[in-house]
């Protein structure tokens, strides 16, 4: 699975504290939101309701093997 493109530290730092919708998260990872949901489901992780917090974002990247 492709990980998000490498970003400059400034971009990464700004994005780190933003809550994201499922669609925004999937687009950032280069996936459709349904594909992201299925990939996480196969790994035993379900997306929380509402916007995705920076903490959940880090967990998602770990589950997908990006970090």
Protein backbone atom coordinates (compact mmCIF):
# COMPACT_ATOMS: atom_id res chain seq x y z
CA UNK A 1 0.00 0.00 0.00
CA UNK A 2 1.44 3.38 -0.90
CA UNK A 3 2.12 5.65 2.03
CA UNK A 4 1.44 9.37 1.87
CA UNK A 5 3.99 11.25 -0.19
CA UNK A 6 6.91 12.56 1.77
CA UNK A 7 6.15 16.07 2.90
CA UNK A 8 8.33 18.84 4.22
CA UNK A 9 8.46 19.10 8.03
CA UNK A 10 6.36 22.29 7.88
CA UNK A 11 3.53 20.56 5.97
CA UNK A 12 3.66 17.50 8.21
CA UNK A 13 3.60 19.63 11.35
CA UNK A 14 0.55 21.62 10.15
CA UNK A 15 -1.37 18.49 9.16
CA UNK A 16 -0.52 16.67 12.36
CA UNK A 17 -2.96 18.75 14.44
CA UNK A 18 -5.88 18.85 12.01
CA UNK A 19 -8.88 16.60 12.38
CA UNK A 20 -9.75 14.94 9.07
CA UNK A 21 -12.83 13.47 7.48
CA UNK A 22 -12.64 9.93 6.11
CA UNK A 23 -12.59 11.34 2.60
CA UNK A 24 -9.71 13.74 3.37
CA UNK A 25 -7.71 10.94 4.99
CA UNK A 26 -8.30 8.56 2.09
CA UNK A 27 -7.36 11.21 -0.47
CA UNK A 28 -4.17 11.99 1.44
CA UNK A 29 -3.27 8.29 1.28
CA UNK A 30 -4.17 8.09 -2.40
CA UNK A 31 -7.15 5.78 -1.80
CA UNK A 32 -10.92 5.85 -2.11
CA UNK A 33 -12.58 6.05 1.29
CA UNK A 34 -14.25 2.63 0.82
CA UNK A 35 -10.87 1.07 0.00
CA UNK A 36 -9.37 2.60 3.14
CA UNK A 37 -12.24 1.27 5.24
CA UNK A 38 -11.86 -2.25 3.80
CA UNK A 39 -8.09 -2.27 4.29
CA UNK A 40 -8.46 -1.24 7.91
CA UNK A 41 -11.30 -3.70 8.49
CA UNK A 42 -9.06 -6.55 7.26
CA UNK A 43 -6.51 -5.47 9.86
CA UNK A 44 -9.09 -5.40 12.66
CA UNK A 45 -9.41 -1.61 12.91
CA UNK A 46 -12.62 0.33 12.43
CA UNK A 47 -12.69 4.06 11.86
CA UNK A 48 -14.17 6.06 14.74
CA UNK A 49 -17.37 8.02 14.13
CA UNK A 50 -17.03 11.64 13.11
CA UNK A 51 -13.76 13.34 12.23
CA UNK A 52 -10.52 11.45 12.66
CA UNK A 53 -8.23 12.84 15.34
CA UNK A 54 -4.45 13.14 14.91
CA UNK A 55 -4.05 10.26 17.38
CA UNK A 56 -6.29 7.98 15.32
CA UNK A 57 -4.49 9.12 12.17
CA UNK A 58 -1.20 7.85 13.61
CA UNK A 59 -2.82 4.52 14.56
CA UNK A 60 -4.22 4.18 11.05
CA UNK A 61 -0.79 4.76 9.49
CA UNK A 62 0.70 2.14 11.81
CA UNK A 63 -2.02 -0.39 10.90
CA UNK A 64 -1.35 0.22 7.22
CA UNK A 65 2.41 -0.21 7.74
CA UNK A 66 3.35 3.34 6.82
CA UNK A 67 5.36 4.06 9.95
